Amino acid sequence: MAKSGMTLNQNDLKRLSRNIDDAVNDSMKDTYKFYKKKTPVRSGNARNKTKYSKRTDSYKINSNYDYAGRLDEGWSKQAPKGFTDPSFDYLEDQITKNFRNI
């Protein structure tokens, strides 16, 4: 009778962990570009104040201006569906794509 199995060592786990972190980071960077592109432009203030940051344990896209909520609720004709919900959908697609490559 043939035996089969799988061995996973510490180096494999470290490589897998790095690959997962890279996939999430790449997904968030791509989503940041998408999010920023979906942000309406009038004076450029909204896009200029939209930032991406990566900390040790989190990734964040921040719209740091007072009227971000109004724009995201569809106040602008340029983004009638806002930009957060479409960006979450885009992020799901990016994560699926990037995790397939692991």
PDB file of N, CA and C in Angstrom:
ATOM      1  N   MET A   1       0.834  -1.166   0.000  1.00  0.00           N
ATOM      2  CA  MET A   1       0.000   0.000   0.000  1.00  0.00           C
ATOM      3  C   MET A   1       0.887   1.241   0.000  1.00  0.00           C
ATOM      4  N   ALA A   2       0.620   2.184  -0.917  1.00  0.00           N
ATOM      5  CA  ALA A   2       1.415   3.409  -1.034  1.00  0.00           C
ATOM      6  C   ALA A   2       0.997   4.411   0.029  1.00  0.00           C
ATOM      7  N   LYS A   3       1.977   5.083   0.567  1.00  0.00           N
ATOM      8  CA  LYS A   3       1.714   6.123   1.554  1.00  0.00           C
ATOM      9  C   LYS A   3       1.870   7.484   0.891  1.00  0.00           C
ATOM     10  N   SER A   4       1.078   8.413   1.331  1.00  0.00           N
ATOM     11  CA  SER A   4       1.226   9.786   0.851  1.00  0.00           C
ATOM     12  C   SER A   4       1.118  10.713   2.054  1.00  0.00           C
ATOM     13  N   GLY A   5       1.623  11.888   1.917  1.00  0.00           N
ATOM     14  CA  GLY A   5       1.570  12.837   3.021  1.00  0.00           C
ATOM     15  C   GLY A   5       2.143  14.172   2.612  1.00  0.00           C
ATOM     16  N   MET A   6       2.217  15.020   3.580  1.00  0.00           N
ATOM     17  CA  MET A   6       2.706  16.358   3.327  1.00  0.00           C
ATOM     18  C   MET A   6       3.469  16.818   4.554  1.00  0.00           C
ATOM     19  N   THR A   7       4.586  17.470   4.332  1.00  0.00           N
ATOM     20  CA  THR A   7       5.375  18.021   5.422  1.00  0.00           C
ATOM     21  C   THR A   7       5.486  19.521   5.231  1.00  0.00           C
ATOM     22  N   LEU A   8       5.280  20.243   6.286  1.00  0.00           N
ATOM     23  CA  LEU A   8       5.369  21.695   6.261  1.00  0.00           C
ATOM     24  C   LEU A   8       6.360  22.108   7.332  1.00  0.00           C
ATOM     25  N   ASN A   9       7.455  22.745   6.914  1.00  0.00           N
ATOM     26  CA  ASN A   9       8.444  23.146   7.904  1.00  0.00           C
ATOM     27  C   ASN A   9       8.346  24.645   8.199  1.00  0.00           C
ATOM     28  N   GLN A  10       9.165  25.126   9.092  1.00  0.00           N
ATOM     29  CA  GLN A  10       9.124  26.521   9.530  1.00  0.00           C
ATOM     30  C   GLN A  10       9.392  27.486   8.373  1.00  0.00           C
ATOM     31  N   ASN A  11      10.315  27.149   7.491  1.00  0.00           N
ATOM     32  CA  ASN A  11      10.600  28.015   6.340  1.00  0.00           C
ATOM     33  C   ASN A  11       9.405  28.110   5.396  1.00  0.00           C
ATOM     34  N   ASP A  12       8.707  26.989   5.224  1.00  0.00           N
ATOM     35  CA  ASP A  12       7.502  27.009   4.389  1.00  0.00           C
ATOM     36  C   ASP A  12       6.450  27.939   4.985  1.00  0.00           C
ATOM     37  N   LEU A  13       6.289  27.876   6.299  1.00  0.00           N
ATOM     38  CA  LEU A  13       5.309  28.735   6.969  1.00  0.00           C
ATOM     39  C   LEU A  13       5.684  30.207   6.856  1.00  0.00           C
ATOM     40  N   LYS A  14       6.964  30.523   6.999  1.00  0.00           N
ATOM     41  CA  LYS A  14       7.410  31.912   6.869  1.00  0.00           C
ATOM     42  C   LYS A  14       7.175  32.419   5.452  1.00  0.00           C
ATOM     43  N   ARG A  15       7.496  31.594   4.455  1.00  0.00           N
ATOM     44  CA  ARG A  15       7.287  31.982   3.065  1.00  0.00           C
ATOM     45  C   ARG A  15       5.795  32.182   2.785  1.00  0.00           C
ATOM     46  N   LEU A  16       4.964  31.281   3.287  1.00  0.00           N
ATOM     47  CA  LEU A  16       3.526  31.404   3.104  1.00  0.00           C
ATOM     48  C   LEU A  16       2.998  32.679   3.761  1.00  0.00           C
ATOM     49  N   SER A  17       3.483  32.962   4.949  1.00  0.00           N
ATOM     50  CA  SER A  17       3.076  34.175   5.661  1.00  0.00           C
ATOM     51  C   SER A  17       3.455  35.431   4.870  1.00  0.00           C
ATOM     52  N   ARG A  18       4.665  35.458   4.312  1.00  0.00           N
ATOM     53  CA  ARG A  18       5.100  36.599   3.494  1.00  0.00           C
ATOM     54  C   ARG A  18       4.240  36.715   2.238  1.00  0.00           C
ATOM     55  N   ASN A  19       3.939  35.581   1.630  1.00  0.00           N
ATOM     56  CA  ASN A  19       3.105  35.600   0.421  1.00  0.00           C
ATOM     57  C   ASN A  19       1.701  36.121   0.715  1.00  0.00           C
ATOM     58  N   ILE A  20       1.152  35.730   1.843  1.00  0.00           N
ATOM     59  CA  ILE A  20      -0.175  36.219   2.235  1.00  0.00           C
ATOM     60  C   ILE A  20      -0.122  37.714   2.485  1.00  0.00           C
ATOM     61  N   ASP A  21       0.886  38.173   3.222  1.00  0.00           N
ATOM     62  CA  ASP A  21       1.034  39.599   3.499  1.00  0.00           C
ATOM     63  C   ASP A  21       1.193  40.386   2.201  1.00  0.00           C
ATOM     64  N   ASP A  22       1.992  39.864   1.284  1.00  0.00           N
ATOM     65  CA  ASP A  22       2.174  40.528  -0.011  1.00  0.00           C
ATOM     66  C   ASP A  22       0.869  40.582  -0.805  1.00  0.00           C
ATOM     67  N   ALA A  23       0.102  39.506  -0.773  1.00  0.00           N
ATOM     68  CA  ALA A  23      -1.176  39.463  -1.500  1.00  0.00           C
ATOM     69  C   ALA A  23      -2.156  40.490  -0.938  1.00  0.00           C
ATOM     70  N   VAL A  24      -2.217  40.593   0.375  1.00  0.00           N
ATOM     71  CA  VAL A  24      -3.110  41.581   0.997  1.00  0.00           C
ATOM     72  C   VAL A  24      -2.625  42.992   0.682  1.00  0.00           C
ATOM     73  N   ASN A  25      -1.333  43.234   0.837  1.00  0.00           N
ATOM     74  CA  ASN A  25      -0.778  44.557   0.567  1.00  0.00           C
ATOM     75  C   ASN A  25      -0.997  44.960  -0.891  1.00  0.00           C
ATOM     76  N   ASP A  26      -0.727  44.053  -1.821  1.00  0.00           N
ATOM     77  CA  ASP A  26      -0.946  44.343  -3.244  1.00  0.00           C
ATOM     78  C   ASP A  26      -2.421  44.627  -3.522  1.00  0.00           C
ATOM     79  N   SER A  27      -3.301  43.861  -2.903  1.00  0.00           N
ATOM     80  CA  SER A  27      -4.740  44.066  -3.078  1.00  0.00           C
ATOM     81  C   SER A  27      -5.154  45.443  -2.571  1.00  0.00           C
ATOM     82  N   MET A  28      -4.645  45.826  -1.415  1.00  0.00           N
ATOM     83  CA  MET A  28      -4.992  47.136  -0.850  1.00  0.00           C
ATOM     84  C   MET A  28      -4.404  48.279  -1.676  1.00  0.00           C
ATOM     85  N   LYS A  29      -3.189  48.126  -2.168  1.00  0.00           N
ATOM     86  CA  LYS A  29      -2.595  49.173  -3.004  1.00  0.00           C
ATOM     87  C   LYS A  29      -3.406  49.373  -4.280  1.00  0.00           C
ATOM     88  N   ASP A  30      -3.795  48.263  -4.908  1.00  0.00           N
ATOM     89  CA  ASP A  30      -4.613  48.351  -6.112  1.00  0.00           C
ATOM     90  C   ASP A  30      -5.972  48.975  -5.802  1.00  0.00           C
ATOM     91  N   THR A  31      -6.544  48.608  -4.671  1.00  0.00           N
ATOM     92  CA  THR A  31      -7.839  49.162  -4.266  1.00  0.00           C
ATOM     93  C   THR A  31      -7.720  50.647  -3.951  1.00  0.00           C
ATOM     94  N   TYR A  32      -6.601  51.055  -3.352  1.00  0.00           N
ATOM     95  CA  TYR A  32      -6.366  52.472  -3.082  1.00  0.00           C
ATOM     96  C   TYR A  32      -6.390  53.274  -4.390  1.00  0.00           C
ATOM     97  N   LYS A  33      -5.724  52.761  -5.411  1.00  0.00           N
ATOM     98  CA  LYS A  33      -5.712  53.445  -6.706  1.00  0.00           C
ATOM     99  C   LYS A  33      -7.126  53.532  -7.273  1.00  0.00           C
ATOM    100  N   PHE A  34      -7.883  52.434  -7.158  1.00  0.00           N
ATOM    101  CA  PHE A  34      -9.263  52.401  -7.630  1.00  0.00           C
ATOM    102  C   PHE A  34     -10.119  53.396  -6.847  1.00  0.00           C
ATOM    103  N   TYR A  35      -9.993  53.370  -5.515  1.00  0.00           N
ATOM    104  CA  TYR A  35     -10.747  54.251  -4.611  1.00  0.00           C
ATOM    105  C   TYR A  35     -10.479  55.713  -4.957  1.00  0.00           C
ATOM    106  N   LYS A  36      -9.212  56.031  -5.112  1.00  0.00           N
ATOM    107  CA  LYS A  36      -8.831  57.412  -5.403  1.00  0.00           C
ATOM    108  C   LYS A  36      -9.376  57.843  -6.768  1.00  0.00           C
ATOM    109  N   LYS A  37      -9.338  56.947  -7.732  1.00  0.00           N
ATOM    110  CA  LYS A  37      -9.859  57.236  -9.066  1.00  0.00           C
ATOM    111  C   LYS A  37     -11.373  57.467  -9.030  1.00  0.00           C
ATOM    112  N   LYS A  38     -12.078  56.737  -8.146  1.00  0.00           N
ATOM    113  CA  LYS A  38     -13.529  56.880  -8.019  1.00  0.00           C
ATOM    114  C   LYS A  38     -13.930  58.130  -7.233  1.00  0.00           C
ATOM    115  N   THR A  39     -12.982  58.709  -6.487  1.00  0.00           N
ATOM    116  CA  THR A  39     -13.274  59.913  -5.701  1.00  0.00           C
ATOM    117  C   THR A  39     -13.507  61.077  -6.658  1.00  0.00           C
ATOM    118  N   PRO A  40     -14.620  61.775  -6.496  1.00  0.00           N
ATOM    119  CA  PRO A  40     -14.929  62.889  -7.399  1.00  0.00           C
ATOM    120  C   PRO A  40     -13.860  63.990  -7.369  1.00  0.00           C
ATOM    121  N   VAL A  41     -13.726  64.676  -8.504  1.00  0.00           N
ATOM    122  CA  VAL A  41     -12.761  65.770  -8.608  1.00  0.00           C
ATOM    123  C   VAL A  41     -13.481  67.060  -8.964  1.00  0.00           C
ATOM    124  N   ARG A  42     -13.241  68.048  -8.179  1.00  0.00           N
ATOM    125  CA  ARG A  42     -13.693  69.394  -8.522  1.00  0.00           C
ATOM    126  C   ARG A  42     -12.486  70.314  -8.406  1.00  0.00           C
ATOM    127  N   SER A  43     -11.977  70.402  -7.190  1.00  0.00           N
ATOM    128  CA  SER A  43     -10.773  71.205  -6.985  1.00  0.00           C
ATOM    129  C   SER A  43      -9.536  70.333  -6.836  1.00  0.00           C
ATOM    130  N   GLY A  44      -9.731  69.025  -6.644  1.00  0.00           N
ATOM    131  CA  GLY A  44      -8.616  68.114  -6.419  1.00  0.00           C
ATOM    132  C   GLY A  44      -8.344  67.860  -4.953  1.00  0.00           C
ATOM    133  N   ASN A  45      -9.022  68.586  -4.061  1.00  0.00           N
ATOM    134  CA  ASN A  45      -8.798  68.455  -2.619  1.00  0.00           C
ATOM    135  C   ASN A  45      -9.121  67.049  -2.113  1.00  0.00           C
ATOM    136  N   ALA A  46     -10.242  66.489  -2.548  1.00  0.00           N
ATOM    137  CA  ALA A  46     -10.657  65.166  -2.058  1.00  0.00           C
ATOM    138  C   ALA A  46      -9.628  64.105  -2.432  1.00  0.00           C
ATOM    139  N   ARG A  47      -9.184  64.101  -3.657  1.00  0.00           N
ATOM    140  CA  ARG A  47      -8.184  63.110  -4.073  1.00  0.00           C
ATOM    141  C   ARG A  47      -6.837  63.348  -3.397  1.00  0.00           C
ATOM    142  N   ASN A  48      -6.461  64.603  -3.249  1.00  0.00           N
ATOM    143  CA  ASN A  48      -5.178  64.915  -2.612  1.00  0.00           C
ATOM    144  C   ASN A  48      -5.145  64.507  -1.151  1.00  0.00           C
ATOM    145  N   LYS A  49      -6.292  64.517  -0.496  1.00  0.00           N
ATOM    146  CA  LYS A  49      -6.333  64.184   0.929  1.00  0.00           C
ATOM    147  C   LYS A  49      -6.739  62.732   1.184  1.00  0.00           C
ATOM    148  N   THR A  50      -6.820  61.943   0.132  1.00  0.00           N
ATOM    149  CA  THR A  50      -7.070  60.513   0.269  1.00  0.00           C
ATOM    150  C   THR A  50      -5.719  59.818   0.322  1.00  0.00           C
ATOM    151  N   LYS A  51      -5.467  59.114   1.427  1.00  0.00           N
ATOM    152  CA  LYS A  51      -4.145  58.522   1.665  1.00  0.00           C
ATOM    153  C   LYS A  51      -4.248  57.032   1.967  1.00  0.00           C
ATOM    154  N   TYR A  52      -3.146  56.351   1.699  1.00  0.00           N
ATOM    155  CA  TYR A  52      -3.002  54.919   1.996  1.00  0.00           C
ATOM    156  C   TYR A  52      -1.878  54.762   3.005  1.00  0.00           C
ATOM    157  N   SER A  53      -2.124  53.931   4.014  1.00  0.00           N
ATOM    158  CA  SER A  53      -1.048  53.657   4.971  1.00  0.00           C
ATOM    159  C   SER A  53      -1.064  52.188   5.350  1.00  0.00           C
ATOM    160  N   LYS A  54       0.128  51.688   5.610  1.00  0.00           N
ATOM    161  CA  LYS A  54       0.290  50.310   6.058  1.00  0.00           C
ATOM    162  C   LYS A  54       1.028  50.350   7.381  1.00  0.00           C
ATOM    163  N   ARG A  55       0.430  49.761   8.370  1.00  0.00           N
ATOM    164  CA  ARG A  55       1.073  49.618   9.664  1.00  0.00           C
ATOM    165  C   ARG A  55       1.403  48.141   9.829  1.00  0.00           C
ATOM    166  N   THR A  56       2.022  47.794  10.906  1.00  0.00           N
ATOM    167  CA  THR A  56       2.421  46.414  11.155  1.00  0.00           C
ATOM    168  C   THR A  56       1.250  45.446  11.021  1.00  0.00           C
ATOM    169  N   ASP A  57       0.095  45.817  11.559  1.00  0.00           N
ATOM    170  CA  ASP A  57      -1.033  44.886  11.598  1.00  0.00           C
ATOM    171  C   ASP A  57      -2.275  45.384  10.870  1.00  0.00           C
ATOM    172  N   SER A  58      -2.153  46.468  10.098  1.00  0.00           N
ATOM    173  CA  SER A  58      -3.345  46.953   9.407  1.00  0.00           C
ATOM    174  C   SER A  58      -2.988  47.758   8.162  1.00  0.00           C
ATOM    175  N   TYR A  59      -3.948  47.825   7.271  1.00  0.00           N
ATOM    176  CA  TYR A  59      -3.848  48.602   6.045  1.00  0.00           C
ATOM    177  C   TYR A  59      -5.024  49.563   6.065  1.00  0.00           C
ATOM    178  N   LYS A  60      -4.811  50.802   5.617  1.00  0.00           N
ATOM    179  CA  LYS A  60      -5.877  51.785   5.742  1.00  0.00           C
ATOM    180  C   LYS A  60      -5.895  52.736   4.554  1.00  0.00           C
ATOM    181  N   ILE A  61      -7.101  52.970   4.044  1.00  0.00           N
ATOM    182  CA  ILE A  61      -7.337  54.013   3.063  1.00  0.00           C
ATOM    183  C   ILE A  61      -8.179  55.055   3.788  1.00  0.00           C
ATOM    184  N   ASN A  62      -7.679  56.275   3.849  1.00  0.00           N
ATOM    185  CA  ASN A  62      -8.332  57.304   4.646  1.00  0.00           C
ATOM    186  C   ASN A  62      -8.670  58.519   3.788  1.00  0.00           C
ATOM    187  N   SER A  63      -9.925  58.915   3.829  1.00  0.00           N
ATOM    188  CA  SER A  63     -10.370  60.152   3.182  1.00  0.00           C
ATOM    189  C   SER A  63     -10.405  61.221   4.261  1.00  0.00           C
ATOM    190  N   ASN A  64      -9.353  62.002   4.319  1.00  0.00           N
ATOM    191  CA  ASN A  64      -9.179  62.952   5.414  1.00  0.00           C
ATOM    192  C   ASN A  64      -9.618  64.368   5.017  1.00  0.00           C
ATOM    193  N   TYR A  65     -10.928  64.531   4.843  1.00  0.00           N
ATOM    194  CA  TYR A  65     -11.504  65.841   4.567  1.00  0.00           C
ATOM    195  C   TYR A  65     -12.943  65.821   5.065  1.00  0.00           C
ATOM    196  N   ASP A  66     -13.449  66.981   5.423  1.00  0.00           N
ATOM    197  CA  ASP A  66     -14.737  67.097   6.117  1.00  0.00           C
ATOM    198  C   ASP A  66     -15.939  66.570   5.342  1.00  0.00           C
ATOM    199  N   TYR A  67     -15.946  66.689   4.060  1.00  0.00           N
ATOM    200  CA  TYR A  67     -17.129  66.330   3.267  1.00  0.00           C
ATOM    201  C   TYR A  67     -17.033  64.938   2.633  1.00  0.00           C
ATOM    202  N   ALA A  68     -16.134  64.107   3.119  1.00  0.00           N
ATOM    203  CA  ALA A  68     -15.967  62.757   2.570  1.00  0.00           C
ATOM    204  C   ALA A  68     -17.260  61.947   2.672  1.00  0.00           C
ATOM    205  N   GLY A  69     -17.948  62.050   3.795  1.00  0.00           N
ATOM    206  CA  GLY A  69     -19.197  61.314   3.984  1.00  0.00           C
ATOM    207  C   GLY A  69     -20.244  61.698   2.962  1.00  0.00           C
ATOM    208  N   ARG A  70     -20.366  62.977   2.709  1.00  0.00           N
ATOM    209  CA  ARG A  70     -21.353  63.439   1.723  1.00  0.00           C
ATOM    210  C   ARG A  70     -21.017  62.904   0.333  1.00  0.00           C
ATOM    211  N   LEU A  71     -19.761  62.991  -0.042  1.00  0.00           N
ATOM    212  CA  LEU A  71     -19.368  62.485  -1.360  1.00  0.00           C
ATOM    213  C   LEU A  71     -19.621  60.984  -1.462  1.00  0.00           C
ATOM    214  N   ASP A  72     -19.310  60.271  -0.380  1.00  0.00           N
ATOM    215  CA  ASP A  72     -19.468  58.812  -0.398  1.00  0.00           C
ATOM    216  C   ASP A  72     -20.934  58.389  -0.396  1.00  0.00           C
ATOM    217  N   GLU A  73     -21.810  59.279   0.017  1.00  0.00           N
ATOM    218  CA  GLU A  73     -23.251  58.987  -0.001  1.00  0.00           C
ATOM    219  C   GLU A  73     -23.882  59.311  -1.353  1.00  0.00           C
ATOM    220  N   GLY A  74     -23.068  59.718  -2.320  1.00  0.00           N
ATOM    221  CA  GLY A  74     -23.588  59.962  -3.657  1.00  0.00           C
ATOM    222  C   GLY A  74     -23.940  61.401  -3.935  1.00  0.00           C
ATOM    223  N   TRP A  75     -23.456  62.330  -3.128  1.00  0.00           N
ATOM    224  CA  TRP A  75     -23.767  63.747  -3.284  1.00  0.00           C
ATOM    225  C   TRP A  75     -23.264  64.290  -4.614  1.00  0.00           C
ATOM    226  N   SER A  76     -22.139  63.746  -5.100  1.00  0.00           N
ATOM    227  CA  SER A  76     -21.557  64.216  -6.357  1.00  0.00           C
ATOM    228  C   SER A  76     -22.095  63.416  -7.535  1.00  0.00           C
ATOM    229  N   LYS A  77     -22.380  64.108  -8.621  1.00  0.00           N
ATOM    230  CA  LYS A  77     -22.808  63.429  -9.844  1.00  0.00           C
ATOM    231  C   LYS A  77     -21.680  62.590 -10.437  1.00  0.00           C
ATOM    232  N   GLN A  78     -20.438  62.897 -10.071  1.00  0.00           N
ATOM    233  CA  GLN A  78     -19.291  62.137 -10.569  1.00  0.00           C
ATOM    234  C   GLN A  78     -19.211  60.749  -9.929  1.00  0.00           C
ATOM    235  N   ALA A  79     -19.768  60.612  -8.746  1.00  0.00           N
ATOM    236  CA  ALA A  79     -19.742  59.325  -8.040  1.00  0.00           C
ATOM    237  C   ALA A  79     -21.095  59.101  -7.364  1.00  0.00           C
ATOM    238  N   PRO A  80     -22.151  58.875  -8.149  1.00  0.00           N
ATOM    239  CA  PRO A  80     -23.480  58.725  -7.562  1.00  0.00           C
ATOM    240  C   PRO A  80     -23.619  57.509  -6.646  1.00  0.00           C
ATOM    241  N   LYS A  81     -22.739  56.529  -6.794  1.00  0.00           N
ATOM    242  CA  LYS A  81     -22.766  55.353  -5.922  1.00  0.00           C
ATOM    243  C   LYS A  81     -21.714  55.459  -4.820  1.00  0.00           C
ATOM    244  N   GLY A  82     -21.102  56.621  -4.706  1.00  0.00           N
ATOM    245  CA  GLY A  82     -20.041  56.795  -3.732  1.00  0.00           C
ATOM    246  C   GLY A  82     -18.774  56.118  -4.214  1.00  0.00           C
ATOM    247  N   PHE A  83     -17.849  55.874  -3.293  1.00  0.00           N
ATOM    248  CA  PHE A  83     -16.608  55.222  -3.686  1.00  0.00           C
ATOM    249  C   PHE A  83     -16.207  54.108  -2.742  1.00  0.00           C
ATOM    250  N   THR A  84     -16.783  54.056  -1.544  1.00  0.00           N
ATOM    251  CA  THR A  84     -16.419  53.008  -0.593  1.00  0.00           C
ATOM    252  C   THR A  84     -16.999  51.654  -1.006  1.00  0.00           C
ATOM    253  N   ASP A  85     -18.291  51.584  -1.269  1.00  0.00           N
ATOM    254  CA  ASP A  85     -18.906  50.303  -1.649  1.00  0.00           C
ATOM    255  C   ASP A  85     -18.301  49.718  -2.934  1.00  0.00           C
ATOM    256  N   PRO A  86     -18.154  50.520  -3.999  1.00  0.00           N
ATOM    257  CA  PRO A  86     -17.501  49.961  -5.185  1.00  0.00           C
ATOM    258  C   PRO A  86     -16.062  49.506  -4.902  1.00  0.00           C
ATOM    259  N   SER A  87     -15.393  50.195  -3.997  1.00  0.00           N
ATOM    260  CA  SER A  87     -14.016  49.820  -3.657  1.00  0.00           C
ATOM    261  C   SER A  87     -13.965  48.514  -2.883  1.00  0.00           C
ATOM    262  N   PHE A  88     -14.945  48.270  -2.006  1.00  0.00           N
ATOM    263  CA  PHE A  88     -14.998  46.975  -1.309  1.00  0.00           C
ATOM    264  C   PHE A  88     -15.201  45.838  -2.303  1.00  0.00           C
ATOM    265  N   ASP A  89     -16.074  46.041  -3.287  1.00  0.00           N
ATOM    266  CA  ASP A  89     -16.274  45.026  -4.327  1.00  0.00           C
ATOM    267  C   ASP A  89     -14.977  44.786  -5.098  1.00  0.00           C
ATOM    268  N   TYR A  90     -14.300  45.865  -5.421  1.00  0.00           N
ATOM    269  CA  TYR A  90     -13.026  45.760  -6.136  1.00  0.00           C
ATOM    270  C   TYR A  90     -11.994  45.029  -5.284  1.00  0.00           C
ATOM    271  N   LEU A  91     -11.943  45.339  -3.986  1.00  0.00           N
ATOM    272  CA  LEU A  91     -11.005  44.688  -3.072  1.00  0.00           C
ATOM    273  C   LEU A  91     -11.242  43.183  -3.019  1.00  0.00           C
ATOM    274  N   GLU A  92     -12.494  42.769  -2.962  1.00  0.00           N
ATOM    275  CA  GLU A  92     -12.811  41.335  -2.972  1.00  0.00           C
ATOM    276  C   GLU A  92     -12.241  40.662  -4.220  1.00  0.00           C
ATOM    277  N   ASP A  93     -12.430  41.305  -5.361  1.00  0.00           N
ATOM    278  CA  ASP A  93     -11.908  40.752  -6.616  1.00  0.00           C
ATOM    279  C   ASP A  93     -10.383  40.675  -6.590  1.00  0.00           C
ATOM    280  N   GLN A  94      -9.748  41.722  -6.080  1.00  0.00           N
ATOM    281  CA  GLN A  94      -8.283  41.751  -6.017  1.00  0.00           C
ATOM    282  C   GLN A  94      -7.746  40.679  -5.079  1.00  0.00           C
ATOM    283  N   ILE A  95      -8.367  40.519  -3.924  1.00  0.00           N
ATOM    284  CA  ILE A  95      -7.912  39.514  -2.974  1.00  0.00           C
ATOM    285  C   ILE A  95      -8.058  38.119  -3.594  1.00  0.00           C
ATOM    286  N   THR A  96      -9.178  37.865  -4.227  1.00  0.00           N
ATOM    287  CA  THR A  96      -9.380  36.563  -4.895  1.00  0.00           C
ATOM    288  C   THR A  96      -8.298  36.325  -5.926  1.00  0.00           C
ATOM    289  N   LYS A  97      -8.036  37.334  -6.759  1.00  0.00           N
ATOM    290  CA  LYS A  97      -7.015  37.204  -7.803  1.00  0.00           C
ATOM    291  C   LYS A  97      -5.629  36.971  -7.201  1.00  0.00           C
ATOM    292  N   ASN A  98      -5.268  37.771  -6.205  1.00  0.00           N
ATOM    293  CA  ASN A  98      -3.924  37.670  -5.635  1.00  0.00           C
ATOM    294  C   ASN A  98      -3.725  36.399  -4.816  1.00  0.00           C
ATOM    295  N   PHE A  99      -4.776  35.905  -4.172  1.00  0.00           N
ATOM    296  CA  PHE A  99      -4.628  34.674  -3.390  1.00  0.00           C
ATOM    297  C   PHE A  99      -4.564  33.445  -4.294  1.00  0.00           C
ATOM    298  N   ARG A 100      -5.117  33.537  -5.473  1.00  0.00           N
ATOM    299  CA  ARG A 100      -4.997  32.416  -6.418  1.00  0.00           C
ATOM    300  C   ARG A 100      -3.548  32.198  -6.825  1.00  0.00           C
ATOM    301  N   ASN A 101      -2.767  33.262  -6.767  1.00  0.00           N
ATOM    302  CA  ASN A 101      -1.369  33.183  -7.174  1.00  0.00           C
ATOM    303  C   ASN A 101      -0.450  32.624  -6.086  1.00  0.00           C
ATOM    304  N   ILE A 102      -0.974  32.408  -4.912  1.00  0.00           N
ATOM    305  CA  ILE A 102      -0.149  31.878  -3.812  1.00  0.00           C
ATOM    306  C   ILE A 102      -0.031  30.371  -3.940  1.00  0.00           C
TER     307      ILE A 102
END
